[in-house]
Amino acid sequence: MYDGGQNHAGTTVLPVDGHVHFHRPSLVAPTLDAAVGNFQRVAAGGPGLAGALLLTQASGETVFETLCGGSPAGAWALSRAAGEPETLIARRDGTAVAIVCGRQVRAEGGLEVLALGTTRTFSDGRSLADTVAEVSASGAVSVLPWGFGKWLGERGGRIRSTLRAVGPAILFVGDNGSRLALAPLPELISEAAQQGFRVLPGTDPFPFGGDYRRVGGFGFIARVDAGRESPWRALREWLLSSQDSPPRYGSALGPARFIFNQAGVQIYNRIARKGGL
């Protein structure tokens, strides 16, 4: 835990989970409950925010929009941040969490691009280069998130080419809390970091098996004065102006959970393709 949630200069220490899905409205309240518990293990917090969740909604996911429409979230009260249509502030018993809308865009070949801090939508199925260009031009923070088995072979070559073409000034790389903690950091993430790309960790929870409980438990520390009025604006400015990757906290998955999730996602996707979800 960090000392009182502040560094010696007085700047707030804000835990941030950089890759979050709610998957469905019924999971919002338990996910927020879990996130607060996980955030509080990292930093004591203060009068502002306990932490921030960077939501990455895939095509067809509209949980953020549902929440903005007044859908309840258990004991949590939700309201828009002033002047930030992409941000909701969730409050419960004096605790507040920022929920920042974003998108997970599926590019050609199953590769993904995260667009952090936006409510606009993007087309799936385009080339990786075109997807990154569109997301960057929108003003969202662009992230290439690592995915199990997706950054190998020909697709790994496309990741390398895109990193070379775009450069680290506006493009980030995402570490994933769903990887195996015992394994070394994936090679392409290490390469990118050595080339100056900043790495943003996040949990990327699965939609089954209580995996939402991990949210807030793997992420990065932002040293930024992000209050409840415009947290994403402050966080975005800090991310884009930082020269180095933010400090990471938490760990990825142990062997049992990793195997469970990888087996579970195959079953889940098979059922989904048959229209059973």
C-alpha atoms as a PDB file:
ATOM      1  CA  MET A   1       0.000   0.000   0.000  1.00  0.00           C
ATOM      2  CA  TYR A   2       1.181   3.505  -0.787  1.00  0.00           C
ATOM      3  CA  ASP A   3       1.706   6.030   1.995  1.00  0.00           C
ATOM      4  CA  GLY A   4      -1.660   7.704   2.515  1.00  0.00           C
ATOM      5  CA  GLY A   5      -2.453   7.554  -1.194  1.00  0.00           C
ATOM      6  CA  GLN A   6      -0.012  10.407  -1.918  1.00  0.00           C
ATOM      7  CA  ASN A   7       3.592  10.833  -2.921  1.00  0.00           C
ATOM      8  CA  HIS A   8       5.926  13.256  -1.180  1.00  0.00           C
ATOM      9  CA  ALA A   9       4.984  16.090  -3.536  1.00  0.00           C
ATOM     10  CA  GLY A  10       1.363  15.755  -2.510  1.00  0.00           C
ATOM     11  CA  THR A  11       0.166  14.419  -5.860  1.00  0.00           C
ATOM     12  CA  THR A  12      -2.610  11.861  -5.555  1.00  0.00           C
ATOM     13  CA  VAL A  13      -1.735   8.221  -6.157  1.00  0.00           C
ATOM     14  CA  LEU A  14      -4.519   6.804  -8.302  1.00  0.00           C
ATOM     15  CA  PRO A  15      -4.775   3.052  -9.028  1.00  0.00           C
ATOM     16  CA  VAL A  16      -6.028   2.498 -12.577  1.00  0.00           C
ATOM     17  CA  ASP A  17      -7.186  -0.743 -14.185  1.00  0.00           C
ATOM     18  CA  GLY A  18      -6.404  -0.143 -17.845  1.00  0.00           C
ATOM     19  CA  HIS A  19      -8.554  -2.878 -19.442  1.00  0.00           C
ATOM     20  CA  VAL A  20     -12.009  -3.502 -17.980  1.00  0.00           C
ATOM     21  CA  HIS A  21     -15.217  -5.121 -19.213  1.00  0.00           C
ATOM     22  CA  PHE A  22     -18.523  -5.148 -17.345  1.00  0.00           C
ATOM     23  CA  HIS A  23     -19.934  -7.588 -19.943  1.00  0.00           C
ATOM     24  CA  ARG A  24     -23.532  -7.123 -18.713  1.00  0.00           C
ATOM     25  CA  PRO A  25     -25.385  -4.686 -16.420  1.00  0.00           C
ATOM     26  CA  SER A  26     -25.920  -7.253 -13.663  1.00  0.00           C
ATOM     27  CA  LEU A  27     -22.152  -7.451 -13.133  1.00  0.00           C
ATOM     28  CA  VAL A  28     -21.611  -3.713 -12.627  1.00  0.00           C
ATOM     29  CA  ALA A  29     -22.305  -3.569  -8.877  1.00  0.00           C
ATOM     30  CA  PRO A  30     -20.266  -6.667  -7.910  1.00  0.00           C
ATOM     31  CA  THR A  31     -17.448  -5.512 -10.186  1.00  0.00           C
ATOM     32  CA  LEU A  32     -17.362  -2.093  -8.494  1.00  0.00           C
ATOM     33  CA  ASP A  33     -17.415  -3.765  -5.064  1.00  0.00           C
ATOM     34  CA  ALA A  34     -14.470  -5.966  -6.037  1.00  0.00           C
ATOM     35  CA  ALA A  35     -12.562  -3.079  -7.615  1.00  0.00           C
ATOM     36  CA  VAL A  36     -12.778  -0.951  -4.469  1.00  0.00           C
ATOM     37  CA  GLY A  37     -11.435  -3.783  -2.344  1.00  0.00           C
ATOM     38  CA  ASN A  38      -8.567  -4.330  -4.773  1.00  0.00           C
ATOM     39  CA  PHE A  39      -7.808  -0.611  -5.076  1.00  0.00           C
ATOM     40  CA  GLN A  40      -7.670  -0.237  -1.300  1.00  0.00           C
ATOM     41  CA  ARG A  41      -4.942  -2.878  -1.131  1.00  0.00           C
ATOM     42  CA  VAL A  42      -2.838  -0.657  -3.363  1.00  0.00           C
ATOM     43  CA  ALA A  43      -3.435   2.838  -1.992  1.00  0.00           C
ATOM     44  CA  ALA A  44      -5.159   4.161   1.096  1.00  0.00           C
ATOM     45  CA  GLY A  45      -7.141   6.629  -0.975  1.00  0.00           C
ATOM     46  CA  GLY A  46      -8.296  10.072   0.018  1.00  0.00           C
ATOM     47  CA  PRO A  47     -11.173  12.491  -0.437  1.00  0.00           C
ATOM     48  CA  GLY A  48     -11.174  12.055  -4.208  1.00  0.00           C
ATOM     49  CA  LEU A  49     -11.270   8.755  -6.073  1.00  0.00           C
ATOM     50  CA  ALA A  50     -10.447   5.254  -4.850  1.00  0.00           C
ATOM     51  CA  GLY A  51      -9.397   4.393  -8.392  1.00  0.00           C
ATOM     52  CA  ALA A  52     -10.344   4.443 -12.058  1.00  0.00           C
ATOM     53  CA  LEU A  53     -11.664   1.754 -14.395  1.00  0.00           C
ATOM     54  CA  LEU A  54     -10.890   2.194 -18.087  1.00  0.00           C
ATOM     55  CA  LEU A  55     -13.814   0.449 -19.742  1.00  0.00           C
ATOM     56  CA  THR A  56     -13.134  -1.203 -23.114  1.00  0.00           C
ATOM     57  CA  GLN A  57     -16.502  -2.170 -24.576  1.00  0.00           C
ATOM     58  CA  ALA A  58     -16.442  -4.591 -27.482  1.00  0.00           C
ATOM     59  CA  SER A  59     -18.828  -4.286 -30.409  1.00  0.00           C
ATOM     60  CA  GLY A  60     -22.358  -4.850 -29.183  1.00  0.00           C
ATOM     61  CA  GLU A  61     -21.573  -4.077 -25.533  1.00  0.00           C
ATOM     62  CA  THR A  62     -23.606  -1.089 -24.342  1.00  0.00           C
ATOM     63  CA  VAL A  63     -23.342  -1.334 -20.555  1.00  0.00           C
ATOM     64  CA  PHE A  64     -21.967   2.212 -20.225  1.00  0.00           C
ATOM     65  CA  GLU A  65     -24.866   3.602 -22.249  1.00  0.00           C
ATOM     66  CA  THR A  66     -27.313   1.612 -20.135  1.00  0.00           C
ATOM     67  CA  LEU A  67     -25.821   3.068 -16.965  1.00  0.00           C
ATOM     68  CA  CYS A  68     -26.010   6.581 -18.398  1.00  0.00           C
ATOM     69  CA  GLY A  69     -29.699   5.944 -19.033  1.00  0.00           C
ATOM     70  CA  GLY A  70     -30.351   5.514 -15.336  1.00  0.00           C
ATOM     71  CA  SER A  71     -30.026   1.767 -14.934  1.00  0.00           C
ATOM     72  CA  PRO A  72     -29.392   0.947 -11.239  1.00  0.00           C
ATOM     73  CA  ALA A  73     -26.143  -0.589 -10.039  1.00  0.00           C
ATOM     74  CA  GLY A  74     -26.972  -2.024  -6.635  1.00  0.00           C
ATOM     75  CA  ALA A  75     -26.003   0.339  -3.839  1.00  0.00           C
ATOM     76  CA  TRP A  76     -23.901   2.456  -6.185  1.00  0.00           C
ATOM     77  CA  ALA A  77     -25.147   5.889  -7.265  1.00  0.00           C
ATOM     78  CA  LEU A  78     -23.962   6.913 -10.728  1.00  0.00           C
ATOM     79  CA  SER A  79     -23.597  10.394 -12.183  1.00  0.00           C
ATOM     80  CA  ARG A  80     -21.796  11.978 -15.128  1.00  0.00           C
ATOM     81  CA  ALA A  81     -18.541  13.763 -14.447  1.00  0.00           C
ATOM     82  CA  ALA A  82     -18.929  17.464 -15.177  1.00  0.00           C
ATOM     83  CA  GLY A  83     -17.851  18.213 -18.733  1.00  0.00           C
ATOM     84  CA  GLU A  84     -16.819  14.617 -19.472  1.00  0.00           C
ATOM     85  CA  PRO A  85     -19.503  12.631 -21.309  1.00  0.00           C
ATOM     86  CA  GLU A  86     -17.184   9.637 -21.390  1.00  0.00           C
ATOM     87  CA  THR A  87     -16.932   9.429 -17.581  1.00  0.00           C
ATOM     88  CA  LEU A  88     -19.284   8.249 -14.861  1.00  0.00           C
ATOM     89  CA  ILE A  89     -18.575   8.620 -11.156  1.00  0.00           C
ATOM     90  CA  ALA A  90     -19.855   5.731  -9.055  1.00  0.00           C
ATOM     91  CA  ARG A  91     -20.418   6.555  -5.368  1.00  0.00           C
ATOM     92  CA  ARG A  92     -21.211   4.356  -2.382  1.00  0.00           C
ATOM     93  CA  ASP A  93     -20.744   5.045   1.335  1.00  0.00           C
ATOM     94  CA  GLY A  94     -18.296   7.886   0.754  1.00  0.00           C
ATOM     95  CA  THR A  95     -16.217   5.936  -1.785  1.00  0.00           C
ATOM     96  CA  ALA A  96     -15.975   7.001  -5.423  1.00  0.00           C
ATOM     97  CA  VAL A  97     -14.697   5.229  -8.542  1.00  0.00           C
ATOM     98  CA  ALA A  98     -14.301   6.750 -12.005  1.00  0.00           C
ATOM     99  CA  ILE A  99     -15.674   4.673 -14.893  1.00  0.00           C
ATOM    100  CA  VAL A 100     -14.219   5.918 -18.184  1.00  0.00           C
ATOM    101  CA  CYS A 101     -15.854   4.649 -21.357  1.00  0.00           C
ATOM    102  CA  GLY A 102     -13.736   3.254 -24.156  1.00  0.00           C
ATOM    103  CA  ARG A 103     -13.870   0.686 -26.961  1.00  0.00           C
ATOM    104  CA  GLN A 104     -12.215  -2.593 -27.838  1.00  0.00           C
ATOM    105  CA  VAL A 105     -12.028  -2.600 -31.626  1.00  0.00           C
ATOM    106  CA  ARG A 106     -11.451  -5.876 -33.439  1.00  0.00           C
ATOM    107  CA  ALA A 107      -9.115  -5.410 -36.387  1.00  0.00           C
ATOM    108  CA  GLU A 108      -8.516  -7.822 -39.246  1.00  0.00           C
ATOM    109  CA  GLY A 109      -7.216 -11.223 -38.154  1.00  0.00           C
ATOM    110  CA  GLY A 110      -8.540 -10.993 -34.600  1.00  0.00           C
ATOM    111  CA  LEU A 111      -6.027  -8.386 -33.449  1.00  0.00           C
ATOM    112  CA  GLU A 112      -7.422  -5.675 -31.206  1.00  0.00           C
ATOM    113  CA  VAL A 113      -7.006  -1.969 -30.582  1.00  0.00           C
ATOM    114  CA  LEU A 114      -8.241  -0.250 -27.433  1.00  0.00           C
ATOM    115  CA  ALA A 115      -9.657   3.255 -27.709  1.00  0.00           C
ATOM    116  CA  LEU A 116      -9.539   4.681 -24.192  1.00  0.00           C
ATOM    117  CA  GLY A 117     -11.659   7.638 -23.147  1.00  0.00           C
ATOM    118  CA  THR A 118     -14.341   7.825 -25.816  1.00  0.00           C
ATOM    119  CA  THR A 119     -18.039   7.148 -26.340  1.00  0.00           C
ATOM    120  CA  ARG A 120     -17.846   6.967 -30.127  1.00  0.00           C
ATOM    121  CA  THR A 121     -17.873   3.642 -31.948  1.00  0.00           C
ATOM    122  CA  PHE A 122     -15.484   2.220 -34.529  1.00  0.00           C
ATOM    123  CA  SER A 123     -15.832  -0.321 -37.314  1.00  0.00           C
ATOM    124  CA  ASP A 124     -14.512  -3.830 -36.737  1.00  0.00           C
ATOM    125  CA  GLY A 125     -12.669  -5.828 -39.390  1.00  0.00           C
ATOM    126  CA  ARG A 126     -10.387  -3.146 -40.834  1.00  0.00           C
ATOM    127  CA  SER A 127      -6.612  -3.532 -41.108  1.00  0.00           C
ATOM    128  CA  LEU A 128      -4.620  -3.016 -37.924  1.00  0.00           C
ATOM    129  CA  ALA A 129      -2.911   0.067 -39.365  1.00  0.00           C
ATOM    130  CA  ASP A 130      -6.211   1.659 -40.414  1.00  0.00           C
ATOM    131  CA  THR A 131      -7.806   0.872 -37.035  1.00  0.00           C
ATOM    132  CA  VAL A 132      -4.942   2.453 -35.104  1.00  0.00           C
ATOM    133  CA  ALA A 133      -5.059   5.511 -37.379  1.00  0.00           C
ATOM    134  CA  GLU A 134      -8.817   5.935 -36.884  1.00  0.00           C
ATOM    135  CA  VAL A 135      -8.632   5.559 -33.116  1.00  0.00           C
ATOM    136  CA  SER A 136      -5.694   7.963 -32.820  1.00  0.00           C
ATOM    137  CA  ALA A 137      -7.396  10.555 -35.035  1.00  0.00           C
ATOM    138  CA  SER A 138     -10.495  10.436 -32.806  1.00  0.00           C
ATOM    139  CA  GLY A 139      -8.576  11.788 -29.812  1.00  0.00           C
ATOM    140  CA  ALA A 140      -8.891   8.556 -27.837  1.00  0.00           C
ATOM    141  CA  VAL A 141      -5.776   7.035 -26.299  1.00  0.00           C
ATOM    142  CA  SER A 142      -4.685   4.161 -28.566  1.00  0.00           C
ATOM    143  CA  VAL A 143      -3.459   0.895 -27.048  1.00  0.00           C
ATOM    144  CA  LEU A 144      -2.392  -2.378 -28.646  1.00  0.00           C
ATOM    145  CA  PRO A 145      -3.407  -4.962 -26.016  1.00  0.00           C
ATOM    146  CA  TRP A 146      -1.501  -8.219 -25.766  1.00  0.00           C
ATOM    147  CA  GLY A 147      -3.718 -11.289 -26.179  1.00  0.00           C
ATOM    148  CA  PHE A 148      -2.929 -14.927 -25.464  1.00  0.00           C
ATOM    149  CA  GLY A 149      -1.789 -16.557 -28.712  1.00  0.00           C
ATOM    150  CA  LYS A 150      -2.505 -13.443 -30.779  1.00  0.00           C
ATOM    151  CA  TRP A 151       0.936 -11.849 -30.908  1.00  0.00           C
ATOM    152  CA  LEU A 152       2.725 -14.797 -32.531  1.00  0.00           C
ATOM    153  CA  GLY A 153       3.753 -15.626 -36.087  1.00  0.00           C
ATOM    154  CA  GLU A 154       2.305 -13.520 -38.883  1.00  0.00           C
ATOM    155  CA  ARG A 155       0.102 -11.533 -36.513  1.00  0.00           C
ATOM    156  CA  GLY A 156       3.132 -10.790 -34.341  1.00  0.00           C
ATOM    157  CA  GLY A 157       4.826  -9.439 -37.448  1.00  0.00           C
ATOM    158  CA  ARG A 158       1.893  -7.091 -38.016  1.00  0.00           C
ATOM    159  CA  ILE A 159       2.180  -5.853 -34.432  1.00  0.00           C
ATOM    160  CA  ARG A 160       5.881  -5.137 -34.950  1.00  0.00           C
ATOM    161  CA  SER A 161       5.208  -3.332 -38.227  1.00  0.00           C
ATOM    162  CA  THR A 162       2.510  -1.186 -36.650  1.00  0.00           C
ATOM    163  CA  LEU A 163       4.701  -0.263 -33.704  1.00  0.00           C
ATOM    164  CA  ARG A 164       7.498   0.782 -36.070  1.00  0.00           C
ATOM    165  CA  ALA A 165       5.137   2.781 -38.260  1.00  0.00           C
ATOM    166  CA  VAL A 166       3.281   4.664 -35.521  1.00  0.00           C
ATOM    167  CA  GLY A 167       5.933   5.103 -32.841  1.00  0.00           C
ATOM    168  CA  PRO A 168       5.638   5.517 -29.065  1.00  0.00           C
ATOM    169  CA  ALA A 169       4.512   9.135 -28.908  1.00  0.00           C
ATOM    170  CA  ILE A 170       0.806   8.350 -29.369  1.00  0.00           C
ATOM    171  CA  LEU A 171       0.569   4.548 -29.191  1.00  0.00           C
ATOM    172  CA  PHE A 172       0.655   2.464 -26.010  1.00  0.00           C
ATOM    173  CA  VAL A 173       1.015  -1.273 -25.444  1.00  0.00           C
ATOM    174  CA  GLY A 174      -1.331  -3.131 -23.095  1.00  0.00           C
ATOM    175  CA  ASP A 175      -0.227  -5.813 -20.637  1.00  0.00           C
ATOM    176  CA  ASN A 176      -2.951  -8.275 -19.728  1.00  0.00           C
ATOM    177  CA  GLY A 177      -3.854  -9.628 -16.298  1.00  0.00           C
ATOM    178  CA  SER A 178      -5.287 -12.763 -17.925  1.00  0.00           C
ATOM    179  CA  ARG A 179      -1.832 -14.057 -18.860  1.00  0.00           C
ATOM    180  CA  LEU A 180       0.094 -16.614 -16.780  1.00  0.00           C
ATOM    181  CA  ALA A 181       2.025 -14.883 -14.010  1.00  0.00           C
ATOM    182  CA  LEU A 182       4.711 -17.589 -13.839  1.00  0.00           C
ATOM    183  CA  ALA A 183       5.665 -17.075 -17.488  1.00  0.00           C
ATOM    184  CA  PRO A 184       8.060 -14.303 -18.508  1.00  0.00           C
ATOM    185  CA  LEU A 185       6.621 -11.028 -19.750  1.00  0.00           C
ATOM    186  CA  PRO A 186       5.595 -11.652 -23.386  1.00  0.00           C
ATOM    187  CA  GLU A 187       8.473 -10.987 -25.749  1.00  0.00           C
ATOM    188  CA  LEU A 188       6.734  -8.347 -27.827  1.00  0.00           C
ATOM    189  CA  ILE A 189       5.733  -6.351 -24.739  1.00  0.00           C
ATOM    190  CA  SER A 190       9.366  -6.391 -23.563  1.00  0.00           C
ATOM    191  CA  GLU A 191      10.575  -5.370 -27.014  1.00  0.00           C
ATOM    192  CA  ALA A 192       8.080  -2.532 -27.209  1.00  0.00           C
ATOM    193  CA  ALA A 193       9.047  -1.237 -23.769  1.00  0.00           C
ATOM    194  CA  GLN A 194      12.729  -1.236 -24.758  1.00  0.00           C
ATOM    195  CA  GLN A 195      11.801   0.811 -27.831  1.00  0.00           C
ATOM    196  CA  GLY A 196      10.125   3.465 -25.684  1.00  0.00           C
ATOM    197  CA  PHE A 197       6.507   2.333 -25.824  1.00  0.00           C
ATOM    198  CA  ARG A 198       4.647   2.839 -22.567  1.00  0.00           C
ATOM    199  CA  VAL A 199       2.932  -0.220 -21.133  1.00  0.00           C
ATOM    200  CA  LEU A 200      -0.530   0.033 -19.575  1.00  0.00           C
ATOM    201  CA  PRO A 201      -1.612  -3.028 -17.550  1.00  0.00           C
ATOM    202  CA  GLY A 202      -5.229  -4.060 -16.982  1.00  0.00           C
ATOM    203  CA  THR A 203      -7.161  -7.126 -15.892  1.00  0.00           C
ATOM    204  CA  ASP A 204      -9.287  -7.854 -19.003  1.00  0.00           C
ATOM    205  CA  PRO A 205     -11.782 -10.034 -17.058  1.00  0.00           C
ATOM    206  CA  PHE A 206     -13.654 -12.932 -18.646  1.00  0.00           C
ATOM    207  CA  PRO A 207     -17.481 -12.936 -18.589  1.00  0.00           C
ATOM    208  CA  PHE A 208     -17.815 -16.131 -16.537  1.00  0.00           C
ATOM    209  CA  GLY A 209     -16.655 -17.879 -13.372  1.00  0.00           C
ATOM    210  CA  GLY A 210     -16.631 -14.822 -11.138  1.00  0.00           C
ATOM    211  CA  ASP A 211     -13.659 -13.388 -13.019  1.00  0.00           C
ATOM    212  CA  TYR A 212     -15.003  -9.872 -12.349  1.00  0.00           C
ATOM    213  CA  ARG A 213     -13.489 -10.239  -8.857  1.00  0.00           C
ATOM    214  CA  ARG A 214     -10.061  -9.535 -10.379  1.00  0.00           C
ATOM    215  CA  VAL A 215     -11.014  -6.057 -11.603  1.00  0.00           C
ATOM    216  CA  GLY A 216      -8.886  -3.388  -9.949  1.00  0.00           C
ATOM    217  CA  GLY A 217      -6.313  -5.986  -8.883  1.00  0.00           C
ATOM    218  CA  PHE A 218      -3.903  -5.558 -11.826  1.00  0.00           C
ATOM    219  CA  GLY A 219      -3.137  -2.176 -13.266  1.00  0.00           C
ATOM    220  CA  PHE A 220      -0.937   0.874 -13.001  1.00  0.00           C
ATOM    221  CA  ILE A 221      -0.353   3.773 -10.648  1.00  0.00           C
ATOM    222  CA  ALA A 222      -1.043   7.261 -11.934  1.00  0.00           C
ATOM    223  CA  ARG A 223       0.471  10.123  -9.954  1.00  0.00           C
ATOM    224  CA  VAL A 224      -2.060  12.714 -10.946  1.00  0.00           C
ATOM    225  CA  ASP A 225      -4.556  15.032  -9.289  1.00  0.00           C
ATOM    226  CA  ALA A 226      -7.631  13.402 -10.815  1.00  0.00           C
ATOM    227  CA  GLY A 227     -10.664  14.685  -8.935  1.00  0.00           C
ATOM    228  CA  ARG A 228     -14.287  13.787  -9.458  1.00  0.00           C
ATOM    229  CA  GLU A 229     -15.008  16.669 -11.849  1.00  0.00           C
ATOM    230  CA  SER A 230     -12.812  15.729 -14.819  1.00  0.00           C
ATOM    231  CA  PRO A 231     -10.713  12.652 -13.968  1.00  0.00           C
ATOM    232  CA  TRP A 232     -10.170  11.401 -17.504  1.00  0.00           C
ATOM    233  CA  ARG A 233      -8.955  14.766 -18.741  1.00  0.00           C
ATOM    234  CA  ALA A 234      -6.280  14.820 -16.037  1.00  0.00           C
ATOM    235  CA  LEU A 235      -5.362  11.153 -16.516  1.00  0.00           C
ATOM    236  CA  ARG A 236      -5.169  11.444 -20.303  1.00  0.00           C
ATOM    237  CA  GLU A 237      -2.882  14.475 -20.107  1.00  0.00           C
ATOM    238  CA  TRP A 238      -0.648  12.669 -17.604  1.00  0.00           C
ATOM    239  CA  LEU A 239      -0.434   9.531 -19.750  1.00  0.00           C
ATOM    240  CA  LEU A 240       0.423  11.377 -22.945  1.00  0.00           C
ATOM    241  CA  SER A 241       3.022  13.576 -21.251  1.00  0.00           C
ATOM    242  CA  SER A 242       4.774  10.752 -19.366  1.00  0.00           C
ATOM    243  CA  GLN A 243       8.003   9.507 -20.900  1.00  0.00           C
ATOM    244  CA  ASP A 244       8.047   6.150 -19.118  1.00  0.00           C
ATOM    245  CA  SER A 245       5.596   3.363 -18.412  1.00  0.00           C
ATOM    246  CA  PRO A 246       3.614   3.986 -15.234  1.00  0.00           C
ATOM    247  CA  PRO A 247       4.409   1.775 -12.230  1.00  0.00           C
ATOM    248  CA  ARG A 248       2.628  -1.565 -12.401  1.00  0.00           C
ATOM    249  CA  TYR A 249       0.828  -3.150  -9.456  1.00  0.00           C
ATOM    250  CA  GLY A 250      -0.731  -6.558  -8.857  1.00  0.00           C
ATOM    251  CA  SER A 251      -0.022  -9.813 -10.646  1.00  0.00           C
ATOM    252  CA  ALA A 252      -1.407 -11.874 -13.494  1.00  0.00           C
ATOM    253  CA  LEU A 253      -3.021 -15.314 -13.078  1.00  0.00           C
ATOM    254  CA  GLY A 254      -1.845 -18.356 -11.186  1.00  0.00           C
ATOM    255  CA  PRO A 255      -1.768 -21.693 -13.061  1.00  0.00           C
ATOM    256  CA  ALA A 256      -5.153 -22.995 -11.848  1.00  0.00           C
ATOM    257  CA  ARG A 257      -7.087 -19.845 -12.752  1.00  0.00           C
ATOM    258  CA  PHE A 258      -5.237 -19.496 -16.046  1.00  0.00           C
ATOM    259  CA  ILE A 259      -6.165 -23.044 -17.113  1.00  0.00           C
ATOM    260  CA  PHE A 260      -9.752 -22.574 -15.923  1.00  0.00           C
ATOM    261  CA  ASN A 261     -10.130 -19.342 -17.902  1.00  0.00           C
ATOM    262  CA  GLN A 262      -8.589 -20.690 -21.094  1.00  0.00           C
ATOM    263  CA  ALA A 263     -10.815 -23.776 -21.013  1.00  0.00           C
ATOM    264  CA  GLY A 264     -13.836 -21.686 -20.014  1.00  0.00           C
ATOM    265  CA  VAL A 265     -13.449 -19.175 -22.828  1.00  0.00           C
ATOM    266  CA  GLN A 266     -13.464 -21.963 -25.424  1.00  0.00           C
ATOM    267  CA  ILE A 267     -16.723 -23.313 -24.044  1.00  0.00           C
ATOM    268  CA  TYR A 268     -18.191 -19.815 -23.671  1.00  0.00           C
ATOM    269  CA  ASN A 269     -17.357 -18.869 -27.260  1.00  0.00           C
ATOM    270  CA  ARG A 270     -18.750 -22.149 -28.592  1.00  0.00           C
ATOM    271  CA  ILE A 271     -22.052 -21.561 -26.788  1.00  0.00           C
ATOM    272  CA  ALA A 272     -22.126 -17.919 -27.947  1.00  0.00           C
ATOM    273  CA  ARG A 273     -21.663 -18.957 -31.595  1.00  0.00           C
ATOM    274  CA  LYS A 274     -24.659 -21.244 -31.251  1.00  0.00           C
ATOM    275  CA  GLY A 275     -26.726 -18.375 -29.876  1.00  0.00           C
ATOM    276  CA  GLY A 276     -26.985 -19.801 -26.359  1.00  0.00           C
ATOM    277  CA  LEU A 277     -25.916 -16.589 -24.583  1.00  0.00           C
END
